[in-house]
């Protein structure tokens, strides 16, 4: 999916189907060809592919590359060029942007049935990636090459609408994120985040800090203040919500 993907690194032990190439990555082994069964499964995950013209159906069978990527591997990184669009059938990818403070801001996650909008932007706009995508849960996908992506978007309206709808939804979410980071207090954002995941959130202070692009110590202090206020109960690796209404009130009325 990235520049140089076909060049295994010297001394590395390749893992199956991993088209990645930086210092902490390994090169791909040949992947099995797509079958009609594989394509049927892909259409179930991506209904917008149904009814595509026969020529594009055949091209997808011939050119689609089945890939598997282990958890915690980098799928793409800042400055790299996308060579194909991954259509995910299993697993998730966490997409983050590192800001000047050195912290990673979560932009979005993408999984089965989703389109990675940064990959689409890189392919269609001929621009390098401006964020990093890391596999959270072991990934299985079909990598569709650039030329076929362009043909599908141009000639198959259901897929075109699905891709553009995803881009629009991500843009709306990013505008909300910018507003939250610029305006909302951190305790307000943390309260809203916990309410959205409750009533019992299995996580760590560090993971919460990563989600909110702040320091673990800051999250720990806020959680301790929530506990003293009777809003949550802190357990090892877990946050139990005691007063959901109180957290909701804090999230919407920080004063």
Foldseek 3Di string as FASTA:
>chain_A
DWPPQQPFDPPDDEDAFQSDHDPPHGHHDAADFADVVNVVLLCVLAVLCPPADPVLVVVCRGAWGKGKDAAFAWNFAFPIAAFFWWQWNDFKKWKWAQDPVRATETLDMDHGSATDLQNVCRLVVVGTGRIIIGTHHITITITGGSVSVVVCLVRRPSVVVRNVVRVVVSVVVVVVLVCCVVPNDPLLVLLVVDLVVDQKDQAALCVSCNHNRHDSVVSVVSVVVCVVVVQWDDDVRMIHGRNNVVSVCCNVPVD
